[in-house]
PDB file of N, CA and C in Angstrom:
ATOM      1  N   UNK A   1     229.979  51.388  88.837  1.00  0.00           N
ATOM      2  CA  UNK A   1     229.991  51.056  90.248  1.00  0.00           C
ATOM      3  C   UNK A   1     230.396  52.321  91.024  1.00  0.00           C
ATOM      4  N   UNK A   2     229.611  52.662  92.031  1.00  0.00           N
ATOM      5  CA  UNK A   2     229.922  53.851  92.833  1.00  0.00           C
ATOM      6  C   UNK A   2     231.082  53.560  93.783  1.00  0.00           C
ATOM      7  N   UNK A   3     231.620  54.606  94.386  1.00  0.00           N
ATOM      8  CA  UNK A   3     232.720  54.440  95.340  1.00  0.00           C
ATOM      9  C   UNK A   3     232.292  53.579  96.521  1.00  0.00           C
ATOM     10  N   UNK A   4     231.087  53.795  97.004  1.00  0.00           N
ATOM     11  CA  UNK A   4     230.589  53.036  98.152  1.00  0.00           C
ATOM     12  C   UNK A   4     230.426  51.570  97.789  1.00  0.00           C
ATOM     13  N   UNK A   5     229.886  51.303  96.589  1.00  0.00           N
ATOM     14  CA  UNK A   5     229.742  49.922  96.144  1.00  0.00           C
ATOM     15  C   UNK A   5     231.110  49.259  95.997  1.00  0.00           C
ATOM     16  N   UNK A   6     232.089  50.013  95.470  1.00  0.00           N
ATOM     17  CA  UNK A   6     233.434  49.474  95.305  1.00  0.00           C
ATOM     18  C   UNK A   6     234.047  49.104  96.652  1.00  0.00           C
ATOM     19  N   UNK A   7     233.918  50.010  97.623  1.00  0.00           N
ATOM     20  CA  UNK A   7     234.461  49.748  98.964  1.00  0.00           C
ATOM     21  C   UNK A   7     233.795  48.521  99.569  1.00  0.00           C
ATOM     22  N   UNK A   8     232.464  48.432  99.439  1.00  0.00           N
ATOM     23  CA  UNK A   8     231.746  47.280  99.979  1.00  0.00           C
ATOM     24  C   UNK A   8     232.141  45.998  99.247  1.00  0.00           C
ATOM     25  N   UNK A   9     232.299  46.078  97.929  1.00  0.00           N
ATOM     26  CA  UNK A   9     232.624  44.915  97.116  1.00  0.00           C
ATOM     27  C   UNK A   9     234.027  44.389  97.418  1.00  0.00           C
ATOM     28  N   UNK A  10     234.992  45.289  97.521  1.00  0.00           N
ATOM     29  CA  UNK A  10     236.375  44.863  97.714  1.00  0.00           C
ATOM     30  C   UNK A  10     236.724  44.645  99.178  1.00  0.00           C
ATOM     31  N   UNK A  11     235.874  45.130 100.072  1.00  0.00           N
ATOM     32  CA  UNK A  11     236.172  44.994 101.498  1.00  0.00           C
ATOM     33  C   UNK A  11     237.286  45.934 101.926  1.00  0.00           C
ATOM     34  N   UNK A  12     237.513  47.000 101.136  1.00  0.00           N
ATOM     35  CA  UNK A  12     238.566  47.958 101.429  1.00  0.00           C
ATOM     36  C   UNK A  12     238.295  48.645 102.750  1.00  0.00           C
ATOM     37  N   UNK A  13     239.280  48.690 103.597  1.00  0.00           N
ATOM     38  CA  UNK A  13     239.133  49.287 104.920  1.00  0.00           C
ATOM     39  C   UNK A  13     239.317  50.801 104.818  1.00  0.00           C
ATOM     40  N   UNK A  14     238.305  51.570 105.215  1.00  0.00           N
ATOM     41  CA  UNK A  14     238.394  53.028 105.144  1.00  0.00           C
ATOM     42  C   UNK A  14     239.367  53.579 106.180  1.00  0.00           C
ATOM     43  N   UNK A  15     239.729  52.795 107.204  1.00  0.00           N
ATOM     44  CA  UNK A  15     240.681  53.273 108.196  1.00  0.00           C
ATOM     45  C   UNK A  15     242.026  53.577 107.559  1.00  0.00           C
ATOM     46  N   UNK A  16     242.357  52.879 106.477  1.00  0.00           N
ATOM     47  CA  UNK A  16     243.633  53.112 105.794  1.00  0.00           C
ATOM     48  C   UNK A  16     243.715  54.553 105.296  1.00  0.00           C
ATOM     49  N   UNK A  17     242.623  55.057 104.772  1.00  0.00           N
ATOM     50  CA  UNK A  17     242.589  56.420 104.263  1.00  0.00           C
ATOM     51  C   UNK A  17     242.813  57.396 105.409  1.00  0.00           C
ATOM     52  N   UNK A  18     242.129  57.157 106.525  1.00  0.00           N
ATOM     53  CA  UNK A  18     242.242  58.050 107.672  1.00  0.00           C
ATOM     54  C   UNK A  18     243.673  58.076 108.199  1.00  0.00           C
ATOM     55  N   UNK A  19     244.294  56.929 108.349  1.00  0.00           N
ATOM     56  CA  UNK A  19     245.651  56.857 108.868  1.00  0.00           C
ATOM     57  C   UNK A  19     246.611  57.549 107.905  1.00  0.00           C
ATOM     58  N   UNK A  20     246.426  57.359 106.615  1.00  0.00           N
ATOM     59  CA  UNK A  20     247.300  57.984 105.637  1.00  0.00           C
ATOM     60  C   UNK A  20     247.172  59.498 105.703  1.00  0.00           C
ATOM     61  N   UNK A  21     245.954  60.032 105.780  1.00  0.00           N
ATOM     62  CA  UNK A  21     245.787  61.482 105.837  1.00  0.00           C
ATOM     63  C   UNK A  21     246.318  62.025 107.154  1.00  0.00           C
ATOM     64  N   UNK A  22     246.203  61.263 108.232  1.00  0.00           N
ATOM     65  CA  UNK A  22     246.736  61.685 109.513  1.00  0.00           C
ATOM     66  C   UNK A  22     248.253  61.783 109.445  1.00  0.00           C
ATOM     67  N   UNK A  23     248.899  60.802 108.810  1.00  0.00           N
ATOM     68  CA  UNK A  23     250.348  60.833 108.666  1.00  0.00           C
ATOM     69  C   UNK A  23     250.800  62.014 107.819  1.00  0.00           C
ATOM     70  N   UNK A  24     250.049  62.366 106.777  1.00  0.00           N
ATOM     71  CA  UNK A  24     250.396  63.518 105.962  1.00  0.00           C
ATOM     72  C   UNK A  24     250.352  64.791 106.789  1.00  0.00           C
ATOM     73  N   UNK A  25     249.323  64.948 107.630  1.00  0.00           N
ATOM     74  CA  UNK A  25     249.207  66.149 108.457  1.00  0.00           C
ATOM     75  C   UNK A  25     250.318  66.223 109.489  1.00  0.00           C
ATOM     76  N   UNK A  26     250.709  65.094 110.064  1.00  0.00           N
ATOM     77  CA  UNK A  26     251.747  65.100 111.087  1.00  0.00           C
ATOM     78  C   UNK A  26     253.093  65.508 110.506  1.00  0.00           C
ATOM     79  N   UNK A  27     253.298  65.269 109.210  1.00  0.00           N
ATOM     80  CA  UNK A  27     254.562  65.598 108.572  1.00  0.00           C
ATOM     81  C   UNK A  27     254.579  66.995 107.969  1.00  0.00           C
ATOM     82  N   UNK A  28     253.496  67.728 108.074  1.00  0.00           N
ATOM     83  CA  UNK A  28     253.454  69.063 107.496  1.00  0.00           C
ATOM     84  C   UNK A  28     254.424  69.983 108.219  1.00  0.00           C
ATOM     85  N   UNK A  29     255.118  70.780 107.445  1.00  0.00           N
ATOM     86  CA  UNK A  29     256.089  71.710 107.999  1.00  0.00           C
ATOM     87  C   UNK A  29     255.524  73.124 108.069  1.00  0.00           C
ATOM     88  N   UNK A  30     254.416  73.391 107.405  1.00  0.00           N
ATOM     89  CA  UNK A  30     253.830  74.724 107.412  1.00  0.00           C
ATOM     90  C   UNK A  30     252.658  74.756 108.375  1.00  0.00           C
ATOM     91  N   UNK A  31     252.733  75.693 109.290  1.00  0.00           N
ATOM     92  CA  UNK A  31     251.720  75.858 110.327  1.00  0.00           C
ATOM     93  C   UNK A  31     250.843  77.054 109.952  1.00  0.00           C
ATOM     94  N   UNK A  32     249.527  76.867 109.951  1.00  0.00           N
ATOM     95  CA  UNK A  32     248.584  77.944 109.645  1.00  0.00           C
ATOM     96  C   UNK A  32     248.163  78.567 110.975  1.00  0.00           C
ATOM     97  N   UNK A  33     248.320  79.882 111.080  1.00  0.00           N
ATOM     98  CA  UNK A  33     248.116  80.571 112.349  1.00  0.00           C
ATOM     99  C   UNK A  33     246.874  81.467 112.349  1.00  0.00           C
ATOM    100  N   UNK A  34     245.820  81.037 111.672  1.00  0.00           N
ATOM    101  CA  UNK A  34     244.598  81.839 111.591  1.00  0.00           C
ATOM    102  C   UNK A  34     243.996  82.074 112.971  1.00  0.00           C
ATOM    103  N   UNK A  35     243.973  81.052 113.792  1.00  0.00           N
ATOM    104  CA  UNK A  35     243.348  81.174 115.115  1.00  0.00           C
ATOM    105  C   UNK A  35     244.033  82.249 115.956  1.00  0.00           C
ATOM    106  N   UNK A  36     245.360  82.296 115.930  1.00  0.00           N
ATOM    107  CA  UNK A  36     246.103  83.306 116.685  1.00  0.00           C
ATOM    108  C   UNK A  36     245.765  84.717 116.206  1.00  0.00           C
ATOM    109  N   UNK A  37     245.713  84.893 114.883  1.00  0.00           N
ATOM    110  CA  UNK A  37     245.407  86.209 114.324  1.00  0.00           C
ATOM    111  C   UNK A  37     243.986  86.645 114.666  1.00  0.00           C
ATOM    112  N   UNK A  38     243.045  85.706 114.623  1.00  0.00           N
ATOM    113  CA  UNK A  38     241.664  86.045 114.960  1.00  0.00           C
ATOM    114  C   UNK A  38     241.536  86.417 116.439  1.00  0.00           C
ATOM    115  N   UNK A  39     242.188  85.677 117.309  1.00  0.00           N
ATOM    116  CA  UNK A  39     242.143  85.991 118.746  1.00  0.00           C
ATOM    117  C   UNK A  39     242.708  87.373 119.020  1.00  0.00           C
ATOM    118  N   UNK A  40     243.826  87.706 118.386  1.00  0.00           N
ATOM    119  CA  UNK A  40     244.462  89.010 118.587  1.00  0.00           C
ATOM    120  C   UNK A  40     243.552  90.158 118.146  1.00  0.00           C
ATOM    121  N   UNK A  41     242.679  89.880 117.190  1.00  0.00           N
ATOM    122  CA  UNK A  41     241.778  90.912 116.678  1.00  0.00           C
ATOM    123  C   UNK A  41     240.375  90.831 117.288  1.00  0.00           C
ATOM    124  N   UNK A  42     240.171  89.855 118.163  1.00  0.00           N
ATOM    125  CA  UNK A  42     238.864  89.688 118.792  1.00  0.00           C
ATOM    126  C   UNK A  42     237.781  89.247 117.816  1.00  0.00           C
ATOM    127  N   UNK A  43     238.156  88.455 116.853  1.00  0.00           N
ATOM    128  CA  UNK A  43     237.227  87.979 115.810  1.00  0.00           C
ATOM    129  C   UNK A  43     237.120  86.468 115.853  1.00  0.00           C
ATOM    130  N   UNK A  44     236.101  85.951 115.171  1.00  0.00           N
ATOM    131  CA  UNK A  44     235.867  84.503 115.135  1.00  0.00           C
ATOM    132  C   UNK A  44     236.026  83.973 113.712  1.00  0.00           C
ATOM    133  N   UNK A  45     236.097  82.670 113.594  1.00  0.00           N
ATOM    134  CA  UNK A  45     236.164  82.033 112.278  1.00  0.00           C
ATOM    135  C   UNK A  45     234.873  82.319 111.517  1.00  0.00           C
ATOM    136  N   UNK A  46     233.760  82.349 112.232  1.00  0.00           N
ATOM    137  CA  UNK A  46     232.480  82.661 111.590  1.00  0.00           C
ATOM    138  C   UNK A  46     232.532  84.053 110.963  1.00  0.00           C
ATOM    139  N   UNK A  47     233.083  85.034 111.683  1.00  0.00           N
ATOM    140  CA  UNK A  47     233.215  86.390 111.149  1.00  0.00           C
ATOM    141  C   UNK A  47     234.075  86.383 109.892  1.00  0.00           C
ATOM    142  N   UNK A  48     235.195  85.665 109.940  1.00  0.00           N
ATOM    143  CA  UNK A  48     236.104  85.608 108.795  1.00  0.00           C
ATOM    144  C   UNK A  48     235.421  84.978 107.581  1.00  0.00           C
ATOM    145  N   UNK A  49     234.608  83.961 107.828  1.00  0.00           N
ATOM    146  CA  UNK A  49     233.874  83.319 106.727  1.00  0.00           C
ATOM    147  C   UNK A  49     232.914  84.309 106.078  1.00  0.00           C
ATOM    148  N   UNK A  50     232.186  85.062 106.891  1.00  0.00           N
ATOM    149  CA  UNK A  50     231.241  86.046 106.341  1.00  0.00           C
ATOM    150  C   UNK A  50     231.968  87.191 105.642  1.00  0.00           C
ATOM    151  N   UNK A  51     233.079  87.613 106.207  1.00  0.00           N
ATOM    152  CA  UNK A  51     233.847  88.744 105.667  1.00  0.00           C
ATOM    153  C   UNK A  51     234.498  88.401 104.323  1.00  0.00           C
ATOM    154  N   UNK A  52     234.978  87.171 104.180  1.00  0.00           N
ATOM    155  CA  UNK A  52     235.738  86.780 102.983  1.00  0.00           C
ATOM    156  C   UNK A  52     234.918  86.026 101.945  1.00  0.00           C
ATOM    157  N   UNK A  53     233.818  85.412 102.385  1.00  0.00           N
ATOM    158  CA  UNK A  53     233.057  84.568 101.468  1.00  0.00           C
ATOM    159  C   UNK A  53     233.634  83.158 101.372  1.00  0.00           C
ATOM    160  N   UNK A  54     234.645  82.865 102.178  1.00  0.00           N
ATOM    161  CA  UNK A  54     235.239  81.533 102.222  1.00  0.00           C
ATOM    162  C   UNK A  54     234.378  80.685 103.147  1.00  0.00           C
ATOM    163  N   UNK A  55     234.132  79.445 102.770  1.00  0.00           N
ATOM    164  CA  UNK A  55     233.259  78.609 103.586  1.00  0.00           C
ATOM    165  C   UNK A  55     233.858  78.375 104.968  1.00  0.00           C
ATOM    166  N   UNK A  56     232.975  78.248 105.949  1.00  0.00           N
ATOM    167  CA  UNK A  56     233.395  77.987 107.319  1.00  0.00           C
ATOM    168  C   UNK A  56     234.207  76.698 107.378  1.00  0.00           C
ATOM    169  N   UNK A  57     233.789  75.702 106.610  1.00  0.00           N
ATOM    170  CA  UNK A  57     234.481  74.411 106.596  1.00  0.00           C
ATOM    171  C   UNK A  57     235.925  74.557 106.128  1.00  0.00           C
ATOM    172  N   UNK A  58     236.138  75.338 105.087  1.00  0.00           N
ATOM    173  CA  UNK A  58     237.491  75.565 104.578  1.00  0.00           C
ATOM    174  C   UNK A  58     238.355  76.239 105.626  1.00  0.00           C
ATOM    175  N   UNK A  59     237.809  77.272 106.269  1.00  0.00           N
ATOM    176  CA  UNK A  59     238.563  77.979 107.307  1.00  0.00           C
ATOM    177  C   UNK A  59     238.830  77.084 108.509  1.00  0.00           C
ATOM    178  N   UNK A  60     237.861  76.262 108.867  1.00  0.00           N
ATOM    179  CA  UNK A  60     238.036  75.346 109.990  1.00  0.00           C
ATOM    180  C   UNK A  60     239.152  74.349 109.688  1.00  0.00           C
ATOM    181  N   UNK A  61     239.166  73.836 108.448  1.00  0.00           N
ATOM    182  CA  UNK A  61     240.205  72.880 108.068  1.00  0.00           C
ATOM    183  C   UNK A  61     241.586  73.542 108.109  1.00  0.00           C
ATOM    184  N   UNK A  62     241.679  74.792 107.697  1.00  0.00           N
ATOM    185  CA  UNK A  62     242.949  75.518 107.774  1.00  0.00           C
ATOM    186  C   UNK A  62     243.350  75.725 109.231  1.00  0.00           C
ATOM    187  N   UNK A  63     242.385  76.140 110.053  1.00  0.00           N
ATOM    188  CA  UNK A  63     242.643  76.433 111.463  1.00  0.00           C
ATOM    189  C   UNK A  63     243.114  75.204 112.235  1.00  0.00           C
ATOM    190  N   UNK A  64     242.531  74.065 111.945  1.00  0.00           N
ATOM    191  CA  UNK A  64     242.849  72.844 112.692  1.00  0.00           C
ATOM    192  C   UNK A  64     244.001  72.046 112.090  1.00  0.00           C
ATOM    193  N   UNK A  65     244.546  72.510 110.961  1.00  0.00           N
ATOM    194  CA  UNK A  65     245.670  71.804 110.348  1.00  0.00           C
ATOM    195  C   UNK A  65     245.252  70.624 109.498  1.00  0.00           C
ATOM    196  N   UNK A  66     243.985  70.527 109.157  1.00  0.00           N
ATOM    197  CA  UNK A  66     243.507  69.399 108.355  1.00  0.00           C
ATOM    198  C   UNK A  66     243.582  69.670 106.857  1.00  0.00           C
ATOM    199  N   UNK A  67     243.826  70.913 106.473  1.00  0.00           N
ATOM    200  CA  UNK A  67     243.927  71.259 105.055  1.00  0.00           C
ATOM    201  C   UNK A  67     245.299  70.843 104.534  1.00  0.00           C
ATOM    202  N   UNK A  68     245.329  70.351 103.321  1.00  0.00           N
ATOM    203  CA  UNK A  68     246.592  69.941 102.716  1.00  0.00           C
ATOM    204  C   UNK A  68     247.175  71.011 101.809  1.00  0.00           C
ATOM    205  N   UNK A  69     246.445  72.106 101.606  1.00  0.00           N
ATOM    206  CA  UNK A  69     246.926  73.185 100.766  1.00  0.00           C
ATOM    207  C   UNK A  69     246.015  74.385 100.884  1.00  0.00           C
ATOM    208  N   UNK A  70     246.425  75.489 100.254  1.00  0.00           N
ATOM    209  CA  UNK A  70     245.606  76.701 100.249  1.00  0.00           C
ATOM    210  C   UNK A  70     245.735  77.366  98.886  1.00  0.00           C
ATOM    211  N   UNK A  71     244.634  77.841  98.383  1.00  0.00           N
ATOM    212  CA  UNK A  71     244.563  78.527  97.116  1.00  0.00           C
ATOM    213  C   UNK A  71     245.037  79.972  97.319  1.00  0.00           C
ATOM    214  N   UNK A  72     245.725  80.554  96.333  1.00  0.00           N
ATOM    215  CA  UNK A  72     246.196  81.933  96.466  1.00  0.00           C
ATOM    216  C   UNK A  72     245.038  82.913  96.643  1.00  0.00           C
ATOM    217  N   UNK A  73     243.923  82.674  95.968  1.00  0.00           N
ATOM    218  CA  UNK A  73     242.760  83.562  96.113  1.00  0.00           C
ATOM    219  C   UNK A  73     242.238  83.508  97.548  1.00  0.00           C
ATOM    220  N   UNK A  74     242.235  82.332  98.152  1.00  0.00           N
ATOM    221  CA  UNK A  74     241.809  82.175  99.537  1.00  0.00           C
ATOM    222  C   UNK A  74     242.767  82.915 100.463  1.00  0.00           C
ATOM    223  N   UNK A  75     244.050  82.753 100.231  1.00  0.00           N
ATOM    224  CA  UNK A  75     245.065  83.417 101.038  1.00  0.00           C
ATOM    225  C   UNK A  75     244.948  84.934 100.932  1.00  0.00           C
ATOM    226  N   UNK A  76     244.733  85.442  99.717  1.00  0.00           N
ATOM    227  CA  UNK A  76     244.567  86.884  99.512  1.00  0.00           C
ATOM    228  C   UNK A  76     243.352  87.412 100.259  1.00  0.00           C
ATOM    229  N   UNK A  77     242.238  86.689 100.204  1.00  0.00           N
ATOM    230  CA  UNK A  77     241.018  87.117 100.893  1.00  0.00           C
ATOM    231  C   UNK A  77     241.224  87.177 102.403  1.00  0.00           C
ATOM    232  N   UNK A  78     241.905  86.187 102.941  1.00  0.00           N
ATOM    233  CA  UNK A  78     242.176  86.164 104.381  1.00  0.00           C
ATOM    234  C   UNK A  78     243.088  87.331 104.760  1.00  0.00           C
ATOM    235  N   UNK A  79     244.123  87.571 103.964  1.00  0.00           N
ATOM    236  CA  UNK A  79     245.043  88.677 104.230  1.00  0.00           C
ATOM    237  C   UNK A  79     244.320  90.021 104.199  1.00  0.00           C
ATOM    238  N   UNK A  80     243.438  90.206 103.231  1.00  0.00           N
ATOM    239  CA  UNK A  80     242.687  91.464 103.140  1.00  0.00           C
ATOM    240  C   UNK A  80     241.777  91.658 104.345  1.00  0.00           C
ATOM    241  N   UNK A  81     241.087  90.619 104.740  1.00  0.00           N
ATOM    242  CA  UNK A  81     240.148  90.723 105.862  1.00  0.00           C
ATOM    243  C   UNK A  81     240.878  90.970 107.185  1.00  0.00           C
ATOM    244  N   UNK A  82     242.014  90.309 107.376  1.00  0.00           N
ATOM    245  CA  UNK A  82     242.752  90.439 108.637  1.00  0.00           C
ATOM    246  C   UNK A  82     243.806  91.548 108.579  1.00  0.00           C
ATOM    247  N   UNK A  83     243.943  92.185 107.406  1.00  0.00           N
ATOM    248  CA  UNK A  83     244.930  93.249 107.208  1.00  0.00           C
ATOM    249  C   UNK A  83     246.325  92.803 107.652  1.00  0.00           C
ATOM    250  N   UNK A  84     246.760  91.716 107.028  1.00  0.00           N
ATOM    251  CA  UNK A  84     248.067  91.145 107.370  1.00  0.00           C
ATOM    252  C   UNK A  84     248.747  90.629 106.109  1.00  0.00           C
ATOM    253  N   UNK A  85     249.946  90.118 106.277  1.00  0.00           N
ATOM    254  CA  UNK A  85     250.719  89.535 105.186  1.00  0.00           C
ATOM    255  C   UNK A  85     250.569  88.019 105.196  1.00  0.00           C
ATOM    256  N   UNK A  86     250.874  87.384 104.089  1.00  0.00           N
ATOM    257  CA  UNK A  86     250.780  85.923 104.005  1.00  0.00           C
ATOM    258  C   UNK A  86     251.689  85.249 105.026  1.00  0.00           C
ATOM    259  N   UNK A  87     252.835  85.852 105.299  1.00  0.00           N
ATOM    260  CA  UNK A  87     253.768  85.299 106.277  1.00  0.00           C
ATOM    261  C   UNK A  87     253.233  85.340 107.701  1.00  0.00           C
ATOM    262  N   UNK A  88     252.260  86.216 107.950  1.00  0.00           N
ATOM    263  CA  UNK A  88     251.630  86.256 109.271  1.00  0.00           C
ATOM    264  C   UNK A  88     250.693  85.073 109.454  1.00  0.00           C
ATOM    265  N   UNK A  89     250.141  84.593 108.352  1.00  0.00           N
ATOM    266  CA  UNK A  89     249.176  83.494 108.398  1.00  0.00           C
ATOM    267  C   UNK A  89     249.883  82.141 108.432  1.00  0.00           C
ATOM    268  N   UNK A  90     250.941  82.016 107.662  1.00  0.00           N
ATOM    269  CA  UNK A  90     251.645  80.744 107.578  1.00  0.00           C
ATOM    270  C   UNK A  90     253.050  80.874 108.155  1.00  0.00           C
ATOM    271  N   UNK A  91     253.465  79.848 108.851  1.00  0.00           N
ATOM    272  CA  UNK A  91     254.794  79.839 109.450  1.00  0.00           C
ATOM    273  C   UNK A  91     255.442  78.489 109.169  1.00  0.00           C
ATOM    274  N   UNK A  92     256.692  78.524 108.764  1.00  0.00           N
ATOM    275  CA  UNK A  92     257.430  77.295 108.497  1.00  0.00           C
ATOM    276  C   UNK A  92     257.946  76.738 109.813  1.00  0.00           C
ATOM    277  N   UNK A  93     257.643  75.486 110.081  1.00  0.00           N
ATOM    278  CA  UNK A  93     258.058  74.822 111.309  1.00  0.00           C
ATOM    279  C   UNK A  93     259.368  74.089 111.043  1.00  0.00           C
ATOM    280  N   UNK A  94     260.419  74.472 111.744  1.00  0.00           N
ATOM    281  CA  UNK A  94     261.730  73.848 111.544  1.00  0.00           C
ATOM    282  C   UNK A  94     261.832  72.566 112.361  1.00  0.00           C
ATOM    283  N   UNK A  95     262.805  71.769 112.069  1.00  0.00           N
ATOM    284  CA  UNK A  95     263.018  70.498 112.778  1.00  0.00           C
ATOM    285  C   UNK A  95     263.318  70.745 114.255  1.00  0.00           C
ATOM    286  N   UNK A  96     264.095  71.781 114.576  1.00  0.00           N
ATOM    287  CA  UNK A  96     264.425  72.088 115.975  1.00  0.00           C
ATOM    288  C   UNK A  96     263.166  72.425 116.760  1.00  0.00           C
ATOM    289  N   UNK A  97     262.268  73.181 116.147  1.00  0.00           N
ATOM    290  CA  UNK A  97     261.024  73.560 116.823  1.00  0.00           C
ATOM    291  C   UNK A  97     260.163  72.329 117.072  1.00  0.00           C
ATOM    292  N   UNK A  98     260.130  71.399 116.114  1.00  0.00           N
ATOM    293  CA  UNK A  98     259.370  70.165 116.293  1.00  0.00           C
ATOM    294  C   UNK A  98     259.902  69.374 117.477  1.00  0.00           C
ATOM    295  N   UNK A  99     261.216  69.297 117.596  1.00  0.00           N
ATOM    296  CA  UNK A  99     261.817  68.552 118.694  1.00  0.00           C
ATOM    297  C   UNK A  99     261.528  69.207 120.038  1.00  0.00           C
ATOM    298  N   UNK A 100     261.556  70.547 120.085  1.00  0.00           N
ATOM    299  CA  UNK A 100     261.276  71.265 121.332  1.00  0.00           C
ATOM    300  C   UNK A 100     259.842  71.055 121.782  1.00  0.00           C
ATOM    301  N   UNK A 101     258.889  71.047 120.850  1.00  0.00           N
ATOM    302  CA  UNK A 101     257.492  70.854 121.231  1.00  0.00           C
ATOM    303  C   UNK A 101     257.201  69.396 121.531  1.00  0.00           C
ATOM    304  N   UNK A 102     257.934  68.485 120.938  1.00  0.00           N
ATOM    305  CA  UNK A 102     257.694  67.062 121.183  1.00  0.00           C
ATOM    306  C   UNK A 102     258.271  66.620 122.532  1.00  0.00           C
ATOM    307  N   UNK A 103     259.360  67.237 122.986  1.00  0.00           N
ATOM    308  CA  UNK A 103     259.999  66.832 124.243  1.00  0.00           C
ATOM    309  C   UNK A 103     259.074  66.977 125.451  1.00  0.00           C
ATOM    310  N   UNK A 104     258.384  68.119 125.651  1.00  0.00           N
ATOM    311  CA  UNK A 104     257.472  68.213 126.796  1.00  0.00           C
ATOM    312  C   UNK A 104     256.313  67.223 126.709  1.00  0.00           C
ATOM    313  N   UNK A 105     255.832  66.956 125.505  1.00  0.00           N
ATOM    314  CA  UNK A 105     254.735  66.004 125.344  1.00  0.00           C
ATOM    315  C   UNK A 105     255.188  64.601 125.750  1.00  0.00           C
ATOM    316  N   UNK A 106     256.405  64.227 125.360  1.00  0.00           N
ATOM    317  CA  UNK A 106     256.928  62.917 125.743  1.00  0.00           C
ATOM    318  C   UNK A 106     257.122  62.829 127.249  1.00  0.00           C
ATOM    319  N   UNK A 107     257.571  63.926 127.870  1.00  0.00           N
ATOM    320  CA  UNK A 107     257.779  63.937 129.320  1.00  0.00           C
ATOM    321  C   UNK A 107     256.442  63.783 130.051  1.00  0.00           C
ATOM    322  N   UNK A 108     255.397  64.442 129.539  1.00  0.00           N
ATOM    323  CA  UNK A 108     254.065  64.335 130.143  1.00  0.00           C
ATOM    324  C   UNK A 108     253.548  62.909 130.037  1.00  0.00           C
ATOM    325  N   UNK A 109     253.700  62.305 128.869  1.00  0.00           N
ATOM    326  CA  UNK A 109     253.185  60.954 128.678  1.00  0.00           C
ATOM    327  C   UNK A 109     253.982  59.946 129.520  1.00  0.00           C
ATOM    328  N   UNK A 110     255.269  60.170 129.686  1.00  0.00           N
ATOM    329  CA  UNK A 110     256.080  59.277 130.518  1.00  0.00           C
ATOM    330  C   UNK A 110     255.706  59.423 131.985  1.00  0.00           C
ATOM    331  N   UNK A 111     255.445  60.658 132.425  1.00  0.00           N
ATOM    332  CA  UNK A 111     255.045  60.886 133.816  1.00  0.00           C
ATOM    333  C   UNK A 111     253.678  60.301 134.083  1.00  0.00           C
ATOM    334  N   UNK A 112     252.773  60.409 133.110  1.00  0.00           N
ATOM    335  CA  UNK A 112     251.420  59.872 133.263  1.00  0.00           C
ATOM    336  C   UNK A 112     251.388  58.356 133.275  1.00  0.00           C
ATOM    337  N   UNK A 113     252.298  57.715 132.537  1.00  0.00           N
ATOM    338  CA  UNK A 113     252.284  56.251 132.458  1.00  0.00           C
ATOM    339  C   UNK A 113     252.989  55.598 133.644  1.00  0.00           C
ATOM    340  N   UNK A 114     253.790  56.369 134.400  1.00  0.00           N
ATOM    341  CA  UNK A 114     254.503  55.788 135.524  1.00  0.00           C
ATOM    342  C   UNK A 114     253.616  55.636 136.762  1.00  0.00           C
ATOM    343  N   UNK A 115     252.434  56.294 136.763  1.00  0.00           N
ATOM    344  CA  UNK A 115     251.535  56.229 137.916  1.00  0.00           C
ATOM    345  C   UNK A 115     250.644  55.041 137.859  1.00  0.00           C
TER     346      UNK A 115
END
């Protein structure tokens, strides 16, 4: 039985998978900063894909925070192409920083809902 047949047979809701993966991404403490590095160098994700041989999809997932991990070979290729260190690409997000970024968002949503 294929995965699609199994889902259809059991009536399994695919939304559960989406919500679970969304929750995993929201709890990630490591922030990938590829977009910032590319902007500073005047380059695009497409350029990085061609330069490194890494698929555009993989780089896009890293850039948007949808990736759940990174291979060392991928990290090395990105570092070589951008002439940077691994620490420039990845940054650990502390609890204090999360609270600081969440506070303005909550204030915006509260101001928007009061109108």
